[in-house]
Amino acid sequence: MNALHAVAAASGPVSTAIDAADPVPTAIGVGALALGLVFLARGASGTVDAVGVLRATTTGPAGLDGDERAVRITGRAAAIDDETLPAPFGGDPALCVDYDVSEFRSQGEGQSWVTIDGGEAGVPFRVDDGGTGIRVDPAAAAFSLDVDEKIKVDADEEPPERVRGFVDAVDEVDATETGYEVGPVTIGDDPRRRYLQRTLRPGDEVTVVGDAEAFPDAPVGEVKSRIADGSPFVVADATPRRTALRLVGASAVPIGGGAVMLVVAAVALSPVVAALV
């Protein structure tokens, strides 16, 4: 038997098993398997980042000399040349922003919050520690920030003024038709909304974990290093330990979802597995 015949013989039982199985459950099983693996990989990434945050070497800005190395810096966040971002819900000056807009929608037999828009952004800022600062360029960073605005708007309410401008400016969250709430039931559309905002503001305590690199153009008062990348690269408004706990907590959702998808895949693909065995 040549190699081609050997491959055909080996793949024969697999092809037969797939052909004999109901194509709809098989397709569902394959899709659930793929989604489960994606979710598990995402959750594992968050856990790996948490370990990286805890294991990174704590270094003050004054201890950096331009060499490339993984570091963990803590201090006060400060604007560079007064450059800031307007916070989405209120317009207060911020250095890093993460926001989420959700609607409470009917999902099958129940209701749940469904994200309709979200995003994050940041501008370069400085981490000050005892008068010495290091530049951080957060474009590629993962943000771990506490919620500082949580605004819920019921179906029969108008958004408060501090979010009105955001709603008018962003098409994805343009106002929906107003429904009416009768107890737990919304008649009409389901426009009950939740606006979440997380920000890093000038003066906030900040922890940055990433790779320091040479930055010879640093102005007077800053070390000749900056942080613009890393594995992990995290900007947080909490202590390293609390940041790690946040990352692990966030990874629990995709890990749980991945486990559910793998169970669905196992059930849907069981006829194929049984035929192979």
Protein backbone atom coordinates (compact mmCIF):
# COMPACT_ATOMS: atom_id res chain seq x y z
CA MET A 1 0.00 0.00 0.00
CA ASN A 2 1.51 3.31 -1.06
CA ALA A 3 1.33 6.52 0.99
CA LEU A 4 -1.71 7.86 -0.89
CA HIS A 5 -3.66 4.67 -0.26
CA ALA A 6 -2.63 4.74 3.40
CA VAL A 7 -3.97 8.28 3.84
CA ALA A 8 -7.21 7.36 2.11
CA ALA A 9 -7.60 4.28 4.29
CA ALA A 10 -6.96 6.28 7.45
CA SER A 11 -9.41 9.02 6.50
CA GLY A 12 -12.06 6.60 5.35
CA PRO A 13 -13.64 5.97 8.77
CA VAL A 14 -13.71 9.70 9.54
CA SER A 15 -15.40 10.54 6.25
CA THR A 16 -17.88 7.70 6.72
CA ALA A 17 -18.70 8.81 10.25
CA ILE A 18 -19.29 12.42 9.16
CA ASP A 19 -21.37 11.37 6.16
CA ALA A 20 -23.52 9.13 8.35
CA ALA A 21 -24.16 11.84 10.96
CA ASP A 22 -26.99 14.36 10.78
CA PRO A 23 -25.40 17.41 9.10
CA VAL A 24 -27.21 20.02 11.25
CA PRO A 25 -26.02 18.80 14.69
CA THR A 26 -22.59 18.16 13.21
CA ALA A 27 -22.36 21.74 11.93
CA ILE A 28 -23.55 23.04 15.32
CA GLY A 29 -20.96 20.89 17.06
CA VAL A 30 -18.12 22.08 14.86
CA GLY A 31 -19.14 25.72 15.34
CA ALA A 32 -19.49 25.30 19.12
CA LEU A 33 -16.07 23.63 19.26
CA ALA A 34 -14.45 26.52 17.40
CA LEU A 35 -16.16 29.13 19.59
CA GLY A 36 -15.26 27.21 22.73
CA LEU A 37 -11.60 27.16 21.82
CA VAL A 38 -11.64 30.90 21.03
CA PHE A 39 -13.31 31.70 24.37
CA LEU A 40 -10.88 29.50 26.29
CA ALA A 41 -7.90 31.13 24.56
CA ARG A 42 -9.23 34.58 25.45
CA GLY A 43 -9.77 33.61 29.06
CA ALA A 44 -6.35 32.02 29.29
CA SER A 45 -4.82 35.22 27.91
CA GLY A 46 -6.33 37.23 30.78
CA THR A 47 -4.98 34.78 33.34
CA VAL A 48 -1.53 34.89 31.76
CA ASP A 49 -1.62 38.71 31.89
CA ALA A 50 -2.53 38.56 35.58
CA VAL A 51 0.49 36.37 36.29
CA GLY A 52 2.65 38.76 34.27
CA VAL A 53 1.45 41.73 36.34
CA LEU A 54 2.38 40.00 39.60
CA ARG A 55 5.74 38.75 38.37
CA ALA A 56 6.90 42.02 36.81
CA THR A 57 9.76 43.74 38.61
CA THR A 58 8.74 46.87 40.52
CA THR A 59 10.95 49.74 39.36
CA GLY A 60 10.81 53.47 40.01
CA PRO A 61 11.19 55.80 37.01
CA ALA A 62 14.53 57.01 38.39
CA GLY A 63 15.83 53.44 38.19
CA LEU A 64 15.42 53.22 34.40
CA ASP A 65 18.44 53.89 32.21
CA GLY A 66 17.14 53.31 28.67
CA ASP A 67 17.72 49.55 28.64
CA GLU A 68 14.90 47.39 27.27
CA ARG A 69 13.28 45.30 30.00
CA ALA A 70 9.90 44.37 31.47
CA VAL A 71 8.97 46.64 34.39
CA ARG A 72 6.14 47.56 36.73
CA ILE A 73 5.83 51.28 37.51
CA THR A 74 3.51 52.87 40.05
CA GLY A 75 2.95 56.55 40.71
CA ARG A 76 0.68 59.46 39.81
CA ALA A 77 -0.66 59.93 36.28
CA ALA A 78 0.04 63.34 34.77
CA ALA A 79 -0.81 64.95 31.44
CA ILE A 80 1.91 65.73 28.90
CA ASP A 81 1.65 69.25 27.48
CA ASP A 82 -1.89 69.44 28.92
CA GLU A 83 -3.11 66.86 26.38
CA THR A 84 -6.23 65.03 27.60
CA LEU A 85 -9.37 63.31 26.30
CA PRO A 86 -12.94 64.34 27.17
CA ALA A 87 -14.68 61.62 29.17
CA PRO A 88 -17.68 60.35 27.14
CA PHE A 89 -20.31 61.03 29.80
CA GLY A 90 -19.59 64.48 31.17
CA GLY A 91 -16.55 65.69 29.26
CA ASP A 92 -14.14 65.80 32.22
CA PRO A 93 -10.44 65.63 31.21
CA ALA A 94 -9.04 62.09 31.16
CA LEU A 95 -5.89 60.33 30.05
CA CYS A 96 -7.42 56.91 29.32
CA VAL A 97 -11.08 56.13 28.71
CA ASP A 98 -13.06 52.89 28.48
CA TYR A 99 -16.84 53.00 28.01
CA ASP A 100 -19.76 50.66 27.38
CA VAL A 101 -23.37 51.32 26.39
CA SER A 102 -25.87 48.48 26.88
CA GLU A 103 -29.60 47.96 26.35
CA PHE A 104 -31.79 45.68 28.44
CA ARG A 105 -33.31 43.46 25.76
CA SER A 106 -35.51 40.41 25.59
CA GLN A 107 -33.42 37.32 24.87
CA GLY A 108 -35.50 34.22 24.26
CA GLU A 109 -37.48 33.66 27.45
CA GLY A 110 -35.49 36.15 29.52
CA GLN A 111 -33.89 39.56 29.45
CA SER A 112 -30.27 40.64 29.71
CA TRP A 113 -27.92 43.57 29.07
CA VAL A 114 -26.67 43.62 25.47
CA THR A 115 -23.75 45.89 24.50
CA ILE A 116 -24.63 48.18 21.61
CA ASP A 117 -21.48 50.29 21.63
CA GLY A 118 -18.17 50.52 23.45
CA GLY A 119 -14.59 51.56 23.03
CA GLU A 120 -11.40 52.73 24.64
CA ALA A 121 -8.79 55.36 23.91
CA GLY A 122 -5.82 57.00 25.56
CA VAL A 123 -3.29 59.77 25.10
CA PRO A 124 0.39 59.67 26.10
CA PHE A 125 0.84 60.50 29.76
CA ARG A 126 3.55 60.52 32.39
CA VAL A 127 3.86 58.42 35.54
CA ASP A 128 5.42 60.58 38.27
CA ASP A 129 7.14 59.14 41.30
CA GLY A 130 8.95 61.52 43.59
CA GLY A 131 9.45 64.21 40.94
CA THR A 132 10.78 61.86 38.27
CA GLY A 133 8.53 60.78 35.41
CA ILE A 134 8.38 58.23 32.60
CA ARG A 135 6.31 58.55 29.44
CA VAL A 136 3.63 55.96 28.69
CA ASP A 137 2.08 55.61 25.23
CA PRO A 138 -1.08 53.54 25.93
CA ALA A 139 -2.31 52.92 22.38
CA ALA A 140 -1.57 49.17 22.57
CA ALA A 141 -2.31 48.74 26.29
CA ALA A 142 -5.08 46.79 27.97
CA PHE A 143 -6.95 49.02 30.43
CA SER A 144 -7.96 47.83 33.89
CA LEU A 145 -9.93 50.76 35.28
CA ASP A 146 -12.64 51.07 37.91
CA VAL A 147 -16.13 52.26 36.93
CA ASP A 148 -16.49 55.95 37.81
CA GLU A 149 -19.81 56.57 36.05
CA LYS A 150 -22.76 54.15 35.98
CA ILE A 151 -25.91 55.73 34.61
CA LYS A 152 -29.15 53.82 34.07
CA VAL A 153 -31.93 55.34 32.02
CA ASP A 154 -35.35 53.72 32.21
CA ALA A 155 -37.60 53.27 29.18
CA ASP A 156 -39.70 56.34 29.93
CA GLU A 157 -36.79 58.66 30.83
CA GLU A 158 -34.63 61.05 28.84
CA PRO A 159 -30.85 60.65 29.23
CA PRO A 160 -29.31 63.16 31.65
CA GLU A 161 -27.57 66.15 30.16
CA ARG A 162 -24.07 64.70 30.75
CA VAL A 163 -24.79 61.85 28.31
CA ARG A 164 -27.16 63.69 25.96
CA GLY A 165 -24.34 65.06 23.80
CA PHE A 166 -22.77 61.61 23.49
CA VAL A 167 -26.08 60.03 22.42
CA ASP A 168 -26.64 62.75 19.83
CA ALA A 169 -23.12 62.45 18.41
CA VAL A 170 -22.77 58.64 18.12
CA ASP A 171 -24.98 56.90 15.56
CA GLU A 172 -24.69 53.50 17.26
CA VAL A 173 -26.37 54.85 20.39
CA ASP A 174 -28.81 57.24 18.76
CA ALA A 175 -32.02 57.50 20.75
CA THR A 176 -34.56 54.69 20.22
CA GLU A 177 -38.31 54.92 20.38
CA THR A 178 -39.50 55.18 23.98
CA GLY A 179 -41.26 52.15 25.41
CA TYR A 180 -43.32 51.83 28.57
CA GLU A 181 -42.42 49.76 31.58
CA VAL A 182 -45.18 47.84 33.35
CA GLY A 183 -43.49 46.06 36.23
CA PRO A 184 -40.72 43.87 34.77
CA VAL A 185 -42.19 44.07 31.23
CA THR A 186 -41.38 46.74 28.63
CA ILE A 187 -44.14 47.45 26.10
CA GLY A 188 -42.76 48.50 22.73
CA ASP A 189 -39.02 48.67 22.22
CA ASP A 190 -36.58 47.78 24.99
CA PRO A 191 -34.66 51.05 25.30
CA ARG A 192 -33.70 50.81 28.98
CA ARG A 193 -30.01 51.67 28.87
CA ARG A 194 -26.90 51.50 31.00
CA TYR A 195 -23.91 53.77 30.45
CA LEU A 196 -20.63 52.65 32.03
CA GLN A 197 -17.49 54.77 32.03
CA ARG A 198 -14.00 53.99 33.28
CA THR A 199 -11.34 56.69 33.23
CA LEU A 200 -7.80 57.40 34.29
CA ARG A 201 -7.62 61.07 35.20
CA PRO A 202 -4.66 63.37 35.84
CA GLY A 203 -3.58 62.90 39.45
CA ASP A 204 -4.91 59.35 39.77
CA GLU A 205 -2.74 56.60 41.18
CA VAL A 206 -1.66 54.35 38.30
CA THR A 207 0.12 51.05 37.77
CA VAL A 208 1.73 50.38 34.41
CA VAL A 209 3.20 47.00 33.44
CA GLY A 210 5.07 46.79 30.14
CA ASP A 211 8.42 46.89 28.41
CA ALA A 212 10.59 49.94 28.98
CA GLU A 213 12.54 51.07 25.94
CA ALA A 214 14.99 53.84 25.12
CA PHE A 215 13.46 57.29 24.56
CA PRO A 216 16.31 59.75 23.98
CA ASP A 217 13.90 62.59 23.13
CA ALA A 218 12.46 62.69 26.65
CA PRO A 219 12.20 66.27 27.97
CA VAL A 220 13.92 67.55 31.05
CA GLY A 221 12.46 65.95 34.17
CA GLU A 222 11.73 62.60 32.53
CA VAL A 223 13.98 59.56 32.27
CA LYS A 224 15.27 58.56 28.84
CA SER A 225 12.85 55.64 28.68
CA ARG A 226 9.20 55.10 27.80
CA ILE A 227 6.65 52.29 27.90
CA ALA A 228 4.71 51.68 24.70
CA ASP A 229 4.45 47.90 24.41
CA GLY A 230 4.87 44.71 26.34
CA SER A 231 3.51 41.25 27.06
CA PRO A 232 1.55 42.04 29.09
CA PHE A 233 1.05 45.77 28.62
CA VAL A 234 -1.48 46.92 31.20
CA VAL A 235 -2.56 50.35 32.48
CA ALA A 236 -4.52 50.18 35.73
CA ASP A 237 -5.81 52.52 38.42
CA ALA A 238 -5.23 49.96 41.15
CA THR A 239 -2.46 48.15 42.99
CA PRO A 240 -0.71 45.28 41.18
CA ARG A 241 -2.54 42.68 43.31
CA ARG A 242 -5.96 44.21 42.68
CA THR A 243 -5.17 44.57 38.99
CA ALA A 244 -4.29 40.87 38.77
CA LEU A 245 -7.54 39.95 40.52
CA ARG A 246 -9.49 42.08 38.04
CA LEU A 247 -7.83 40.36 35.09
CA VAL A 248 -8.54 36.91 36.51
CA GLY A 249 -12.16 37.90 37.20
CA ALA A 250 -12.60 39.19 33.65
CA SER A 251 -11.20 35.94 32.25
CA ALA A 252 -13.77 33.87 34.17
CA VAL A 253 -16.57 34.88 31.78
CA PRO A 254 -14.90 33.71 28.53
CA ILE A 255 -13.60 30.57 30.26
CA GLY A 256 -17.10 29.76 31.46
CA GLY A 257 -18.51 30.45 28.01
CA GLY A 258 -15.84 28.28 26.44
CA ALA A 259 -16.65 25.41 28.78
CA VAL A 260 -20.35 25.65 27.87
CA MET A 261 -19.52 25.66 24.15
CA LEU A 262 -17.33 22.56 24.56
CA VAL A 263 -20.19 20.75 26.30
CA VAL A 264 -22.52 21.68 23.42
CA ALA A 265 -19.89 20.47 20.95
CA ALA A 266 -19.47 17.18 22.81
CA VAL A 267 -23.21 16.50 22.73
CA ALA A 268 -23.64 17.52 19.09
CA LEU A 269 -20.61 15.57 17.87
CA SER A 270 -21.23 12.48 19.98
CA PRO A 271 -22.70 10.47 17.04
CA VAL A 272 -19.55 11.16 15.01
CA VAL A 273 -17.33 10.15 17.92
CA ALA A 274 -19.39 7.02 18.53
CA ALA A 275 -19.10 6.03 14.85
CA LEU A 276 -15.34 6.47 14.96
CA VAL A 277 -15.00 4.37 18.12
